[in-house]
Amino acid sequence: MTFTEWTTAPTIRRVVCKHADAEKYVVTNVLTPGKEYEVKNETDEFVFIVDNTGKVGGYYKTYFE
């Protein structure tokens, strides 16, 4: 599956954001602690979710439970 199909792809699972305190990047605009997000794809280090903007974004797994 290519990244262009992620928005219409079925949800793999759901994750809950545990914090949005990033050292290097600004994620407070697109992640809300305590909110549940749909996972569209995942790697060893990143999880690709539909964030607050309605688009698919890649975030470190440390932000989620």
PDB file of N, CA and C in Angstrom:
ATOM      1  N   MET A   1       0.843  -1.172   0.000  1.00  0.00           N
ATOM      2  CA  MET A   1       0.000   0.000   0.000  1.00  0.00           C
ATOM      3  C   MET A   1       0.891   1.238   0.000  1.00  0.00           C
ATOM      4  N   THR A   2       0.593   2.177  -0.887  1.00  0.00           N
ATOM      5  CA  THR A   2       1.353   3.415  -0.942  1.00  0.00           C
ATOM      6  C   THR A   2       0.740   4.451  -0.017  1.00  0.00           C
ATOM      7  N   PHE A   3       1.499   5.462   0.279  1.00  0.00           N
ATOM      8  CA  PHE A   3       1.039   6.496   1.217  1.00  0.00           C
ATOM      9  C   PHE A   3      -0.172   7.256   0.690  1.00  0.00           C
ATOM     10  N   THR A   4      -0.396   7.264  -0.608  1.00  0.00           N
ATOM     11  CA  THR A   4      -1.550   7.976  -1.160  1.00  0.00           C
ATOM     12  C   THR A   4      -2.867   7.279  -0.836  1.00  0.00           C
ATOM     13  N   GLU A   5      -2.807   6.005  -0.458  1.00  0.00           N
ATOM     14  CA  GLU A   5      -4.009   5.234  -0.145  1.00  0.00           C
ATOM     15  C   GLU A   5      -4.299   5.171   1.355  1.00  0.00           C
ATOM     16  N   TRP A   6      -3.470   5.792   2.183  1.00  0.00           N
ATOM     17  CA  TRP A   6      -3.632   5.688   3.636  1.00  0.00           C
ATOM     18  C   TRP A   6      -4.915   6.329   4.144  1.00  0.00           C
ATOM     19  N   THR A   7      -5.377   7.399   3.535  1.00  0.00           N
ATOM     20  CA  THR A   7      -6.583   8.072   4.032  1.00  0.00           C
ATOM     21  C   THR A   7      -7.821   7.219   3.851  1.00  0.00           C
ATOM     22  N   THR A   8      -7.852   6.396   2.811  1.00  0.00           N
ATOM     23  CA  THR A   8      -9.016   5.541   2.559  1.00  0.00           C
ATOM     24  C   THR A   8      -8.804   4.117   3.042  1.00  0.00           C
ATOM     25  N   ALA A   9      -7.636   3.808   3.533  1.00  0.00           N
ATOM     26  CA  ALA A   9      -7.334   2.446   4.001  1.00  0.00           C
ATOM     27  C   ALA A   9      -8.094   2.140   5.289  1.00  0.00           C
ATOM     28  N   PRO A  10      -8.389   0.871   5.529  1.00  0.00           N
ATOM     29  CA  PRO A  10      -9.057   0.525   6.791  1.00  0.00           C
ATOM     30  C   PRO A  10      -8.126   0.777   7.985  1.00  0.00           C
ATOM     31  N   THR A  11      -8.718   1.054   9.113  1.00  0.00           N
ATOM     32  CA  THR A  11      -7.957   1.325  10.327  1.00  0.00           C
ATOM     33  C   THR A  11      -7.352   0.032  10.853  1.00  0.00           C
ATOM     34  N   ILE A  12      -6.051   0.052  11.154  1.00  0.00           N
ATOM     35  CA  ILE A  12      -5.359  -1.121  11.697  1.00  0.00           C
ATOM     36  C   ILE A  12      -5.748  -1.331  13.155  1.00  0.00           C
ATOM     37  N   ARG A  13      -5.672  -0.263  13.917  1.00  0.00           N
ATOM     38  CA  ARG A  13      -6.035  -0.276  15.338  1.00  0.00           C
ATOM     39  C   ARG A  13      -6.203   1.162  15.788  1.00  0.00           C
ATOM     40  N   ARG A  14      -6.517   1.354  17.047  1.00  0.00           N
ATOM     41  CA  ARG A  14      -6.672   2.698  17.608  1.00  0.00           C
ATOM     42  C   ARG A  14      -5.659   2.872  18.739  1.00  0.00           C
ATOM     43  N   VAL A  15      -5.140   4.082  18.852  1.00  0.00           N
ATOM     44  CA  VAL A  15      -4.204   4.412  19.923  1.00  0.00           C
ATOM     45  C   VAL A  15      -4.676   5.675  20.619  1.00  0.00           C
ATOM     46  N   VAL A  16      -4.267   5.831  21.874  1.00  0.00           N
ATOM     47  CA  VAL A  16      -4.614   7.010  22.659  1.00  0.00           C
ATOM     48  C   VAL A  16      -3.357   7.835  22.867  1.00  0.00           C
ATOM     49  N   CYS A  17      -3.453   9.128  22.615  1.00  0.00           N
ATOM     50  CA  CYS A  17      -2.329  10.037  22.815  1.00  0.00           C
ATOM     51  C   CYS A  17      -2.124  10.242  24.314  1.00  0.00           C
ATOM     52  N   LYS A  18      -0.902   9.996  24.795  1.00  0.00           N
ATOM     53  CA  LYS A  18      -0.653  10.169  26.227  1.00  0.00           C
ATOM     54  C   LYS A  18      -0.012  11.516  26.555  1.00  0.00           C
ATOM     55  N   HIS A  19       0.676  12.139  25.593  1.00  0.00           N
ATOM     56  CA  HIS A  19       1.220  13.484  25.812  1.00  0.00           C
ATOM     57  C   HIS A  19       1.552  14.118  24.464  1.00  0.00           C
ATOM     58  N   ALA A  20       1.707  15.405  24.461  1.00  0.00           N
ATOM     59  CA  ALA A  20       2.093  16.153  23.256  1.00  0.00           C
ATOM     60  C   ALA A  20       3.275  17.067  23.567  1.00  0.00           C
ATOM     61  N   ASP A  21       4.104  16.644  24.507  1.00  0.00           N
ATOM     62  CA  ASP A  21       5.279  17.416  24.912  1.00  0.00           C
ATOM     63  C   ASP A  21       6.484  16.945  24.113  1.00  0.00           C
ATOM     64  N   ALA A  22       6.757  17.601  23.020  1.00  0.00           N
ATOM     65  CA  ALA A  22       7.869  17.224  22.160  1.00  0.00           C
ATOM     66  C   ALA A  22       9.057  18.129  22.428  1.00  0.00           C
ATOM     67  N   GLU A  23      10.251  17.550  22.383  1.00  0.00           N
ATOM     68  CA  GLU A  23      11.465  18.336  22.581  1.00  0.00           C
ATOM     69  C   GLU A  23      11.865  19.072  21.305  1.00  0.00           C
ATOM     70  N   LYS A  24      11.703  18.419  20.165  1.00  0.00           N
ATOM     71  CA  LYS A  24      12.238  18.938  18.920  1.00  0.00           C
ATOM     72  C   LYS A  24      11.166  19.486  17.974  1.00  0.00           C
ATOM     73  N   TYR A  25       9.979  18.899  17.980  1.00  0.00           N
ATOM     74  CA  TYR A  25       8.941  19.266  17.023  1.00  0.00           C
ATOM     75  C   TYR A  25       7.721  19.838  17.739  1.00  0.00           C
ATOM     76  N   VAL A  26       6.904  20.601  17.032  1.00  0.00           N
ATOM     77  CA  VAL A  26       5.668  21.137  17.578  1.00  0.00           C
ATOM     78  C   VAL A  26       4.537  20.199  17.183  1.00  0.00           C
ATOM     79  N   VAL A  27       4.009  19.469  18.164  1.00  0.00           N
ATOM     80  CA  VAL A  27       2.905  18.548  17.884  1.00  0.00           C
ATOM     81  C   VAL A  27       1.646  18.930  18.659  1.00  0.00           C
ATOM     82  N   THR A  28       1.718  19.967  19.452  1.00  0.00           N
ATOM     83  CA  THR A  28       0.558  20.375  20.244  1.00  0.00           C
ATOM     84  C   THR A  28      -0.583  20.880  19.370  1.00  0.00           C
ATOM     85  N   ASN A  29      -0.285  21.293  18.150  1.00  0.00           N
ATOM     86  CA  ASN A  29      -1.318  21.782  17.240  1.00  0.00           C
ATOM     87  C   ASN A  29      -2.126  20.647  16.612  1.00  0.00           C
ATOM     88  N   VAL A  30      -1.562  19.459  16.545  1.00  0.00           N
ATOM     89  CA  VAL A  30      -2.219  18.356  15.823  1.00  0.00           C
ATOM     90  C   VAL A  30      -2.537  17.144  16.687  1.00  0.00           C
ATOM     91  N   LEU A  31      -2.022  17.093  17.905  1.00  0.00           N
ATOM     92  CA  LEU A  31      -2.322  15.981  18.816  1.00  0.00           C
ATOM     93  C   LEU A  31      -2.946  16.510  20.098  1.00  0.00           C
ATOM     94  N   THR A  32      -3.940  15.797  20.602  1.00  0.00           N
ATOM     95  CA  THR A  32      -4.603  16.170  21.846  1.00  0.00           C
ATOM     96  C   THR A  32      -4.433  15.028  22.842  1.00  0.00           C
ATOM     97  N   PRO A  33      -3.778  15.260  23.981  1.00  0.00           N
ATOM     98  CA  PRO A  33      -3.630  14.202  24.981  1.00  0.00           C
ATOM     99  C   PRO A  33      -4.988  13.675  25.437  1.00  0.00           C
ATOM    100  N   GLY A  34      -5.095  12.352  25.497  1.00  0.00           N
ATOM    101  CA  GLY A  34      -6.332  11.708  25.912  1.00  0.00           C
ATOM    102  C   GLY A  34      -7.260  11.353  24.762  1.00  0.00           C
ATOM    103  N   LYS A  35      -6.993  11.871  23.583  1.00  0.00           N
ATOM    104  CA  LYS A  35      -7.850  11.594  22.423  1.00  0.00           C
ATOM    105  C   LYS A  35      -7.400  10.306  21.730  1.00  0.00           C
ATOM    106  N   GLU A  36      -8.364   9.589  21.184  1.00  0.00           N
ATOM    107  CA  GLU A  36      -8.089   8.332  20.482  1.00  0.00           C
ATOM    108  C   GLU A  36      -7.949   8.611  18.984  1.00  0.00           C
ATOM    109  N   TYR A  37      -6.932   8.001  18.360  1.00  0.00           N
ATOM    110  CA  TYR A  37      -6.649   8.216  16.944  1.00  0.00           C
ATOM    111  C   TYR A  37      -6.633   6.886  16.201  1.00  0.00           C
ATOM    112  N   GLU A  38      -6.991   6.929  14.901  1.00  0.00           N
ATOM    113  CA  GLU A  38      -6.986   5.755  14.042  1.00  0.00           C
ATOM    114  C   GLU A  38      -5.608   5.567  13.429  1.00  0.00           C
ATOM    115  N   VAL A  39      -5.049   4.357  13.556  1.00  0.00           N
ATOM    116  CA  VAL A  39      -3.751   4.043  12.972  1.00  0.00           C
ATOM    117  C   VAL A  39      -3.974   3.529  11.555  1.00  0.00           C
ATOM    118  N   LYS A  40      -3.304   4.156  10.590  1.00  0.00           N
ATOM    119  CA  LYS A  40      -3.416   3.747   9.196  1.00  0.00           C
ATOM    120  C   LYS A  40      -2.222   2.920   8.743  1.00  0.00           C
ATOM    121  N   ASN A  41      -1.050   3.171   9.324  1.00  0.00           N
ATOM    122  CA  ASN A  41       0.153   2.405   9.004  1.00  0.00           C
ATOM    123  C   ASN A  41       1.108   2.558  10.170  1.00  0.00           C
ATOM    124  N   GLU A  42       2.104   1.660  10.240  1.00  0.00           N
ATOM    125  CA  GLU A  42       3.003   1.694  11.389  1.00  0.00           C
ATOM    126  C   GLU A  42       4.342   1.076  11.005  1.00  0.00           C
ATOM    127  N   THR A  43       5.416   1.629  11.579  1.00  0.00           N
ATOM    128  CA  THR A  43       6.765   1.085  11.417  1.00  0.00           C
ATOM    129  C   THR A  43       7.318   0.807  12.808  1.00  0.00           C
ATOM    130  N   ASP A  44       8.592   0.454  12.876  1.00  0.00           N
ATOM    131  CA  ASP A  44       9.211   0.183  14.174  1.00  0.00           C
ATOM    132  C   ASP A  44       9.253   1.421  15.056  1.00  0.00           C
ATOM    133  N   GLU A  45       9.449   2.578  14.459  1.00  0.00           N
ATOM    134  CA  GLU A  45       9.636   3.815  15.225  1.00  0.00           C
ATOM    135  C   GLU A  45       8.451   4.775  15.163  1.00  0.00           C
ATOM    136  N   PHE A  46       7.690   4.719  14.077  1.00  0.00           N
ATOM    137  CA  PHE A  46       6.617   5.687  13.850  1.00  0.00           C
ATOM    138  C   PHE A  46       5.258   5.017  13.753  1.00  0.00           C
ATOM    139  N   VAL A  47       4.225   5.808  14.025  1.00  0.00           N
ATOM    140  CA  VAL A  47       2.844   5.398  13.809  1.00  0.00           C
ATOM    141  C   VAL A  47       2.202   6.494  12.951  1.00  0.00           C
ATOM    142  N   PHE A  48       1.487   6.095  11.920  1.00  0.00           N
ATOM    143  CA  PHE A  48       0.857   7.035  11.000  1.00  0.00           C
ATOM    144  C   PHE A  48      -0.634   7.059  11.302  1.00  0.00           C
ATOM    145  N   ILE A  49      -1.114   8.217  11.745  1.00  0.00           N
ATOM    146  CA  ILE A  49      -2.494   8.350  12.217  1.00  0.00           C
ATOM    147  C   ILE A  49      -3.207   9.478  11.481  1.00  0.00           C
ATOM    148  N   VAL A  50      -4.514   9.492  11.590  1.00  0.00           N
ATOM    149  CA  VAL A  50      -5.310  10.627  11.129  1.00  0.00           C
ATOM    150  C   VAL A  50      -5.352  11.593  12.310  1.00  0.00           C
ATOM    151  N   ASP A  51      -4.647  12.716  12.191  1.00  0.00           N
ATOM    152  CA  ASP A  51      -4.523  13.652  13.311  1.00  0.00           C
ATOM    153  C   ASP A  51      -5.662  14.669  13.331  1.00  0.00           C
ATOM    154  N   ASN A  52      -5.540  15.708  14.143  1.00  0.00           N
ATOM    155  CA  ASN A  52      -6.596  16.709  14.310  1.00  0.00           C
ATOM    156  C   ASN A  52      -6.864  17.530  13.051  1.00  0.00           C
ATOM    157  N   THR A  53      -5.938  17.532  12.104  1.00  0.00           N
ATOM    158  CA  THR A  53      -6.145  18.272  10.860  1.00  0.00           C
ATOM    159  C   THR A  53      -6.970  17.472   9.861  1.00  0.00           C
ATOM    160  N   GLY A  54      -7.175  16.189  10.127  1.00  0.00           N
ATOM    161  CA  GLY A  54      -7.916  15.323   9.210  1.00  0.00           C
ATOM    162  C   GLY A  54      -7.043  14.655   8.180  1.00  0.00           C
ATOM    163  N   LYS A  55      -5.742  14.887   8.270  1.00  0.00           N
ATOM    164  CA  LYS A  55      -4.799  14.284   7.334  1.00  0.00           C
ATOM    165  C   LYS A  55      -3.974  13.225   8.057  1.00  0.00           C
ATOM    166  N   VAL A  56      -3.307  12.367   7.302  1.00  0.00           N
ATOM    167  CA  VAL A  56      -2.462  11.338   7.882  1.00  0.00           C
ATOM    168  C   VAL A  56      -1.093  11.939   8.163  1.00  0.00           C
ATOM    169  N   GLY A  57      -0.610  11.764   9.390  1.00  0.00           N
ATOM    170  CA  GLY A  57       0.700  12.253   9.784  1.00  0.00           C
ATOM    171  C   GLY A  57       1.461  11.172  10.519  1.00  0.00           C
ATOM    172  N   GLY A  58       2.785  11.212  10.437  1.00  0.00           N
ATOM    173  CA  GLY A  58       3.639  10.245  11.114  1.00  0.00           C
ATOM    174  C   GLY A  58       4.204  10.828  12.393  1.00  0.00           C
ATOM    175  N   TYR A  59       4.071  10.077  13.485  1.00  0.00           N
ATOM    176  CA  TYR A  59       4.526  10.540  14.799  1.00  0.00           C
ATOM    177  C   TYR A  59       5.274   9.423  15.504  1.00  0.00           C
ATOM    178  N   TYR A  60       6.189   9.800  16.382  1.00  0.00           N
ATOM    179  CA  TYR A  60       6.902   8.812  17.191  1.00  0.00           C
ATOM    180  C   TYR A  60       5.913   8.034  18.054  1.00  0.00           C
ATOM    181  N   LYS A  61       6.189   6.774  18.278  1.00  0.00           N
ATOM    182  CA  LYS A  61       5.314   5.931  19.085  1.00  0.00           C
ATOM    183  C   LYS A  61       5.301   6.347  20.547  1.00  0.00           C
ATOM    184  N   THR A  62       6.270   7.156  20.967  1.00  0.00           N
ATOM    185  CA  THR A  62       6.335   7.574  22.381  1.00  0.00           C
ATOM    186  C   THR A  62       5.186   8.472  22.782  1.00  0.00           C
ATOM    187  N   TYR A  63       4.482   9.051  21.825  1.00  0.00           N
ATOM    188  CA  TYR A  63       3.346   9.922  22.126  1.00  0.00           C
ATOM    189  C   TYR A  63       2.073   9.142  22.448  1.00  0.00           C
ATOM    190  N   PHE A  64       2.084   7.836  22.208  1.00  0.00           N
ATOM    191  CA  PHE A  64       0.853   7.053  22.297  1.00  0.00           C
ATOM    192  C   PHE A  64       0.983   5.869  23.249  1.00  0.00           C
ATOM    193  N   GLU A  65      -0.179   5.410  23.725  1.00  0.00           N
ATOM    194  CA  GLU A  65      -0.238   4.215  24.595  1.00  0.00           C
ATOM    195  C   GLU A  65      -0.475   3.009  23.731  1.00  0.00           C
TER     196      GLU A  65
END
